[in-house]
Amino acid sequence: MAYTGTSISPKDADEIINEVSRAYAKVPMVFRSFVPSLPELLRKIPECARKYTLGDLIRLLESAYEEGKI
């Protein structure tokens, strides 16, 4: 059975949620109110990005970050 409303298995859903939770836990509490939630950020990704793999998007954004574009 998939995670509610998705095709993601419960095991994968737990792993994904746990990893994202760990990443947010590293953000100091004082700054968390300034950091948008991951779902909020993902909703802002333009439609054109949906044709690329997550790996390609990560590499693009890492490169843009290193170049000071974001």
PDB file of N, CA and C in Angstrom:
ATOM      1  N   MET A   1       0.841  -1.187   0.000  1.00  0.00           N
ATOM      2  CA  MET A   1       0.000   0.000   0.000  1.00  0.00           C
ATOM      3  C   MET A   1       0.884   1.248   0.000  1.00  0.00           C
ATOM      4  N   ALA A   2       0.498   2.252  -0.778  1.00  0.00           N
ATOM      5  CA  ALA A   2       1.278   3.472  -0.911  1.00  0.00           C
ATOM      6  C   ALA A   2       0.990   4.439   0.230  1.00  0.00           C
ATOM      7  N   TYR A   3       1.915   5.368   0.419  1.00  0.00           N
ATOM      8  CA  TYR A   3       1.718   6.427   1.403  1.00  0.00           C
ATOM      9  C   TYR A   3       0.531   7.267   0.944  1.00  0.00           C
ATOM     10  N   THR A   4      -0.267   7.736   1.839  1.00  0.00           N
ATOM     11  CA  THR A   4      -1.518   8.432   1.550  1.00  0.00           C
ATOM     12  C   THR A   4      -1.375   9.465   0.432  1.00  0.00           C
ATOM     13  N   GLY A   5      -2.157   9.277  -0.622  1.00  0.00           N
ATOM     14  CA  GLY A   5      -2.188  10.229  -1.726  1.00  0.00           C
ATOM     15  C   GLY A   5      -1.010  10.170  -2.676  1.00  0.00           C
ATOM     16  N   THR A   6      -0.134   9.172  -2.533  1.00  0.00           N
ATOM     17  CA  THR A   6       1.041   9.064  -3.398  1.00  0.00           C
ATOM     18  C   THR A   6       1.238   7.609  -3.810  1.00  0.00           C
ATOM     19  N   SER A   7       2.238   7.393  -4.653  1.00  0.00           N
ATOM     20  CA  SER A   7       2.632   6.031  -4.995  1.00  0.00           C
ATOM     21  C   SER A   7       3.870   5.612  -4.197  1.00  0.00           C
ATOM     22  N   ILE A   8       4.215   6.382  -3.177  1.00  0.00           N
ATOM     23  CA  ILE A   8       5.408   6.134  -2.350  1.00  0.00           C
ATOM     24  C   ILE A   8       5.084   5.075  -1.303  1.00  0.00           C
ATOM     25  N   SER A   9       5.952   4.073  -1.230  1.00  0.00           N
ATOM     26  CA  SER A   9       5.735   3.007  -0.256  1.00  0.00           C
ATOM     27  C   SER A   9       5.919   3.553   1.166  1.00  0.00           C
ATOM     28  N   PRO A  10       5.267   2.936   2.151  1.00  0.00           N
ATOM     29  CA  PRO A  10       5.433   3.391   3.536  1.00  0.00           C
ATOM     30  C   PRO A  10       6.899   3.381   3.985  1.00  0.00           C
ATOM     31  N   LYS A  11       7.651   2.357   3.576  1.00  0.00           N
ATOM     32  CA  LYS A  11       9.064   2.273   3.962  1.00  0.00           C
ATOM     33  C   LYS A  11       9.851   3.445   3.377  1.00  0.00           C
ATOM     34  N   ASP A  12       9.659   3.719   2.075  1.00  0.00           N
ATOM     35  CA  ASP A  12      10.353   4.844   1.450  1.00  0.00           C
ATOM     36  C   ASP A  12       9.899   6.171   2.047  1.00  0.00           C
ATOM     37  N   ALA A  13       8.602   6.295   2.310  1.00  0.00           N
ATOM     38  CA  ALA A  13       8.076   7.527   2.900  1.00  0.00           C
ATOM     39  C   ALA A  13       8.741   7.795   4.250  1.00  0.00           C
ATOM     40  N   ASP A  14       8.849   6.773   5.069  1.00  0.00           N
ATOM     41  CA  ASP A  14       9.498   6.937   6.378  1.00  0.00           C
ATOM     42  C   ASP A  14      10.940   7.388   6.224  1.00  0.00           C
ATOM     43  N   GLU A  15      11.662   6.780   5.283  1.00  0.00           N
ATOM     44  CA  GLU A  15      13.066   7.147   5.074  1.00  0.00           C
ATOM     45  C   GLU A  15      13.186   8.589   4.599  1.00  0.00           C
ATOM     46  N   ILE A  16      12.354   8.976   3.644  1.00  0.00           N
ATOM     47  CA  ILE A  16      12.390  10.341   3.120  1.00  0.00           C
ATOM     48  C   ILE A  16      12.068  11.350   4.218  1.00  0.00           C
ATOM     49  N   ILE A  17      11.013  11.101   4.943  1.00  0.00           N
ATOM     50  CA  ILE A  17      10.603  12.012   6.018  1.00  0.00           C
ATOM     51  C   ILE A  17      11.679  12.113   7.093  1.00  0.00           C
ATOM     52  N   ASN A  18      12.274  10.995   7.465  1.00  0.00           N
ATOM     53  CA  ASN A  18      13.322  11.003   8.487  1.00  0.00           C
ATOM     54  C   ASN A  18      14.538  11.807   8.041  1.00  0.00           C
ATOM     55  N   GLU A  19      14.959  11.639   6.784  1.00  0.00           N
ATOM     56  CA  GLU A  19      16.134  12.369   6.295  1.00  0.00           C
ATOM     57  C   GLU A  19      15.869  13.868   6.221  1.00  0.00           C
ATOM     58  N   VAL A  20      14.701  14.256   5.729  1.00  0.00           N
ATOM     59  CA  VAL A  20      14.362  15.675   5.650  1.00  0.00           C
ATOM     60  C   VAL A  20      14.253  16.264   7.055  1.00  0.00           C
ATOM     61  N   SER A  21      13.684  15.519   7.954  1.00  0.00           N
ATOM     62  CA  SER A  21      13.564  15.964   9.345  1.00  0.00           C
ATOM     63  C   SER A  21      14.943  16.197   9.964  1.00  0.00           C
ATOM     64  N   ARG A  22      15.871  15.287   9.681  1.00  0.00           N
ATOM     65  CA  ARG A  22      17.246  15.462  10.192  1.00  0.00           C
ATOM     66  C   ARG A  22      17.896  16.712   9.628  1.00  0.00           C
ATOM     67  N   ALA A  23      17.651  16.986   8.344  1.00  0.00           N
ATOM     68  CA  ALA A  23      18.232  18.176   7.719  1.00  0.00           C
ATOM     69  C   ALA A  23      17.682  19.445   8.372  1.00  0.00           C
ATOM     70  N   TYR A  24      16.364  19.488   8.593  1.00  0.00           N
ATOM     71  CA  TYR A  24      15.760  20.658   9.244  1.00  0.00           C
ATOM     72  C   TYR A  24      16.208  20.779  10.689  1.00  0.00           C
ATOM     73  N   ALA A  25      16.502  19.686  11.343  1.00  0.00           N
ATOM     74  CA  ALA A  25      16.944  19.724  12.738  1.00  0.00           C
ATOM     75  C   ALA A  25      18.291  20.433  12.876  1.00  0.00           C
ATOM     76  N   LYS A  26      19.052  20.475  11.792  1.00  0.00           N
ATOM     77  CA  LYS A  26      20.363  21.136  11.825  1.00  0.00           C
ATOM     78  C   LYS A  26      20.251  22.657  11.750  1.00  0.00           C
ATOM     79  N   VAL A  27      19.086  23.139  11.349  1.00  0.00           N
ATOM     80  CA  VAL A  27      18.869  24.590  11.281  1.00  0.00           C
ATOM     81  C   VAL A  27      18.571  25.078  12.699  1.00  0.00           C
ATOM     82  N   PRO A  28      19.368  26.040  13.186  1.00  0.00           N
ATOM     83  CA  PRO A  28      19.129  26.540  14.540  1.00  0.00           C
ATOM     84  C   PRO A  28      17.686  27.036  14.705  1.00  0.00           C
ATOM     85  N   MET A  29      17.112  26.769  15.853  1.00  0.00           N
ATOM     86  CA  MET A  29      15.716  27.091  16.136  1.00  0.00           C
ATOM     87  C   MET A  29      15.403  28.561  15.847  1.00  0.00           C
ATOM     88  N   VAL A  30      16.333  29.442  16.142  1.00  0.00           N
ATOM     89  CA  VAL A  30      16.105  30.874  15.956  1.00  0.00           C
ATOM     90  C   VAL A  30      15.882  31.217  14.479  1.00  0.00           C
ATOM     91  N   PHE A  31      16.408  30.410  13.549  1.00  0.00           N
ATOM     92  CA  PHE A  31      16.275  30.683  12.115  1.00  0.00           C
ATOM     93  C   PHE A  31      15.145  29.913  11.441  1.00  0.00           C
ATOM     94  N   ARG A  32      14.580  28.933  12.106  1.00  0.00           N
ATOM     95  CA  ARG A  32      13.578  28.073  11.462  1.00  0.00           C
ATOM     96  C   ARG A  32      12.359  28.826  10.967  1.00  0.00           C
ATOM     97  N   SER A  33      11.958  29.867  11.642  1.00  0.00           N
ATOM     98  CA  SER A  33      10.784  30.615  11.185  1.00  0.00           C
ATOM     99  C   SER A  33      11.059  31.352   9.874  1.00  0.00           C
ATOM    100  N   PHE A  34      12.340  31.524   9.535  1.00  0.00           N
ATOM    101  CA  PHE A  34      12.709  32.200   8.293  1.00  0.00           C
ATOM    102  C   PHE A  34      12.888  31.214   7.136  1.00  0.00           C
ATOM    103  N   VAL A  35      12.975  29.928   7.440  1.00  0.00           N
ATOM    104  CA  VAL A  35      13.199  28.903   6.427  1.00  0.00           C
ATOM    105  C   VAL A  35      11.852  28.302   6.027  1.00  0.00           C
ATOM    106  N   PRO A  36      11.491  28.417   4.734  1.00  0.00           N
ATOM    107  CA  PRO A  36      10.213  27.828   4.328  1.00  0.00           C
ATOM    108  C   PRO A  36      10.253  26.303   4.414  1.00  0.00           C
ATOM    109  N   SER A  37       9.098  25.727   4.557  1.00  0.00           N
ATOM    110  CA  SER A  37       9.038  24.267   4.610  1.00  0.00           C
ATOM    111  C   SER A  37       9.422  23.694   3.252  1.00  0.00           C
ATOM    112  N   LEU A  38       9.889  22.466   3.253  1.00  0.00           N
ATOM    113  CA  LEU A  38      10.263  21.821   2.000  1.00  0.00           C
ATOM    114  C   LEU A  38       9.076  21.720   1.047  1.00  0.00           C
ATOM    115  N   PRO A  39       7.888  21.318   1.505  1.00  0.00           N
ATOM    116  CA  PRO A  39       6.750  21.300   0.580  1.00  0.00           C
ATOM    117  C   PRO A  39       6.480  22.671  -0.053  1.00  0.00           C
ATOM    118  N   GLU A  40       6.634  23.731   0.727  1.00  0.00           N
ATOM    119  CA  GLU A  40       6.426  25.082   0.197  1.00  0.00           C
ATOM    120  C   GLU A  40       7.445  25.399  -0.896  1.00  0.00           C
ATOM    121  N   LEU A  41       8.700  25.048  -0.652  1.00  0.00           N
ATOM    122  CA  LEU A  41       9.740  25.269  -1.659  1.00  0.00           C
ATOM    123  C   LEU A  41       9.478  24.453  -2.925  1.00  0.00           C
ATOM    124  N   LEU A  42       9.104  23.202  -2.754  1.00  0.00           N
ATOM    125  CA  LEU A  42       8.871  22.335  -3.914  1.00  0.00           C
ATOM    126  C   LEU A  42       7.690  22.828  -4.754  1.00  0.00           C
ATOM    127  N   ARG A  43       6.683  23.396  -4.123  1.00  0.00           N
ATOM    128  CA  ARG A  43       5.537  23.935  -4.863  1.00  0.00           C
ATOM    129  C   ARG A  43       5.938  25.099  -5.754  1.00  0.00           C
ATOM    130  N   LYS A  44       7.035  25.776  -5.423  1.00  0.00           N
ATOM    131  CA  LYS A  44       7.479  26.936  -6.190  1.00  0.00           C
ATOM    132  C   LYS A  44       8.356  26.560  -7.381  1.00  0.00           C
ATOM    133  N   ILE A  45       8.695  25.288  -7.499  1.00  0.00           N
ATOM    134  CA  ILE A  45       9.494  24.851  -8.644  1.00  0.00           C
ATOM    135  C   ILE A  45       8.632  24.974  -9.894  1.00  0.00           C
ATOM    136  N   PRO A  46       9.134  25.631 -10.939  1.00  0.00           N
ATOM    137  CA  PRO A  46       8.313  25.837 -12.129  1.00  0.00           C
ATOM    138  C   PRO A  46       7.971  24.529 -12.850  1.00  0.00           C
ATOM    139  N   GLU A  47       6.879  24.560 -13.553  1.00  0.00           N
ATOM    140  CA  GLU A  47       6.386  23.389 -14.297  1.00  0.00           C
ATOM    141  C   GLU A  47       7.462  22.823 -15.228  1.00  0.00           C
ATOM    142  N   CYS A  48       8.257  23.687 -15.856  1.00  0.00           N
ATOM    143  CA  CYS A  48       9.268  23.219 -16.811  1.00  0.00           C
ATOM    144  C   CYS A  48      10.300  22.317 -16.152  1.00  0.00           C
ATOM    145  N   ALA A  49      10.496  22.437 -14.843  1.00  0.00           N
ATOM    146  CA  ALA A  49      11.490  21.627 -14.136  1.00  0.00           C
ATOM    147  C   ALA A  49      11.039  20.182 -13.959  1.00  0.00           C
ATOM    148  N   ARG A  50       9.760  19.929 -14.103  1.00  0.00           N
ATOM    149  CA  ARG A  50       9.223  18.599 -13.826  1.00  0.00           C
ATOM    150  C   ARG A  50       9.632  17.555 -14.853  1.00  0.00           C
ATOM    151  N   LYS A  51      10.198  17.982 -15.980  1.00  0.00           N
ATOM    152  CA  LYS A  51      10.641  17.014 -16.982  1.00  0.00           C
ATOM    153  C   LYS A  51      12.057  16.507 -16.706  1.00  0.00           C
ATOM    154  N   TYR A  52      12.722  17.064 -15.705  1.00  0.00           N
ATOM    155  CA  TYR A  52      14.083  16.661 -15.358  1.00  0.00           C
ATOM    156  C   TYR A  52      14.088  15.761 -14.131  1.00  0.00           C
ATOM    157  N   THR A  53      15.151  14.989 -13.990  1.00  0.00           N
ATOM    158  CA  THR A  53      15.259  14.121 -12.823  1.00  0.00           C
ATOM    159  C   THR A  53      15.643  14.956 -11.602  1.00  0.00           C
ATOM    160  N   LEU A  54      15.369  14.409 -10.446  1.00  0.00           N
ATOM    161  CA  LEU A  54      15.746  15.077  -9.209  1.00  0.00           C
ATOM    162  C   LEU A  54      17.255  15.282  -9.156  1.00  0.00           C
ATOM    163  N   GLY A  55      18.006  14.287  -9.611  1.00  0.00           N
ATOM    164  CA  GLY A  55      19.471  14.392  -9.632  1.00  0.00           C
ATOM    165  C   GLY A  55      19.944  15.557 -10.482  1.00  0.00           C
ATOM    166  N   ASP A  56      19.339  15.741 -11.676  1.00  0.00           N
ATOM    167  CA  ASP A  56      19.700  16.864 -12.544  1.00  0.00           C
ATOM    168  C   ASP A  56      19.387  18.197 -11.877  1.00  0.00           C
ATOM    169  N   LEU A  57      18.235  18.275 -11.235  1.00  0.00           N
ATOM    170  CA  LEU A  57      17.864  19.519 -10.557  1.00  0.00           C
ATOM    171  C   LEU A  57      18.801  19.827  -9.402  1.00  0.00           C
ATOM    172  N   ILE A  58      19.191  18.807  -8.665  1.00  0.00           N
ATOM    173  CA  ILE A  58      20.123  19.007  -7.551  1.00  0.00           C
ATOM    174  C   ILE A  58      21.459  19.530  -8.070  1.00  0.00           C
ATOM    175  N   ARG A  59      21.975  18.909  -9.140  1.00  0.00           N
ATOM    176  CA  ARG A  59      23.255  19.359  -9.704  1.00  0.00           C
ATOM    177  C   ARG A  59      23.153  20.801 -10.220  1.00  0.00           C
ATOM    178  N   LEU A  60      22.040  21.131 -10.882  1.00  0.00           N
ATOM    179  CA  LEU A  60      21.832  22.495 -11.371  1.00  0.00           C
ATOM    180  C   LEU A  60      21.850  23.481 -10.213  1.00  0.00           C
ATOM    181  N   LEU A  61      21.102  23.175  -9.153  1.00  0.00           N
ATOM    182  CA  LEU A  61      21.004  24.099  -8.023  1.00  0.00           C
ATOM    183  C   LEU A  61      22.312  24.187  -7.243  1.00  0.00           C
ATOM    184  N   GLU A  62      23.053  23.086  -7.141  1.00  0.00           N
ATOM    185  CA  GLU A  62      24.374  23.128  -6.494  1.00  0.00           C
ATOM    186  C   GLU A  62      25.310  24.033  -7.287  1.00  0.00           C
ATOM    187  N   SER A  63      25.280  23.894  -8.593  1.00  0.00           N
ATOM    188  CA  SER A  63      26.122  24.725  -9.448  1.00  0.00           C
ATOM    189  C   SER A  63      25.741  26.208  -9.327  1.00  0.00           C
ATOM    190  N   ALA A  64      24.437  26.489  -9.369  1.00  0.00           N
ATOM    191  CA  ALA A  64      23.967  27.869  -9.235  1.00  0.00           C
ATOM    192  C   ALA A  64      24.367  28.441  -7.877  1.00  0.00           C
ATOM    193  N   TYR A  65      24.307  27.629  -6.837  1.00  0.00           N
ATOM    194  CA  TYR A  65      24.706  28.070  -5.502  1.00  0.00           C
ATOM    195  C   TYR A  65      26.196  28.400  -5.472  1.00  0.00           C
ATOM    196  N   GLU A  66      27.001  27.500  -6.046  1.00  0.00           N
ATOM    197  CA  GLU A  66      28.461  27.725  -6.058  1.00  0.00           C
ATOM    198  C   GLU A  66      28.840  28.970  -6.847  1.00  0.00           C
ATOM    199  N   GLU A  67      28.045  29.291  -7.873  1.00  0.00           N
ATOM    200  CA  GLU A  67      28.306  30.477  -8.690  1.00  0.00           C
ATOM    201  C   GLU A  67      27.706  31.747  -8.084  1.00  0.00           C
ATOM    202  N   GLY A  68      27.061  31.619  -6.928  1.00  0.00           N
ATOM    203  CA  GLY A  68      26.480  32.768  -6.251  1.00  0.00           C
ATOM    204  C   GLY A  68      25.170  33.256  -6.855  1.00  0.00           C
ATOM    205  N   LYS A  69      24.546  32.405  -7.672  1.00  0.00           N
ATOM    206  CA  LYS A  69      23.276  32.800  -8.306  1.00  0.00           C
ATOM    207  C   LYS A  69      22.096  32.622  -7.361  1.00  0.00           C
ATOM    208  N   ILE A  70      22.229  31.734  -6.378  1.00  0.00           N
ATOM    209  CA  ILE A  70      21.174  31.554  -5.384  1.00  0.00           C
ATOM    210  C   ILE A  70      21.789  31.486  -4.012  1.00  0.00           C
TER     211      ILE A  70
END
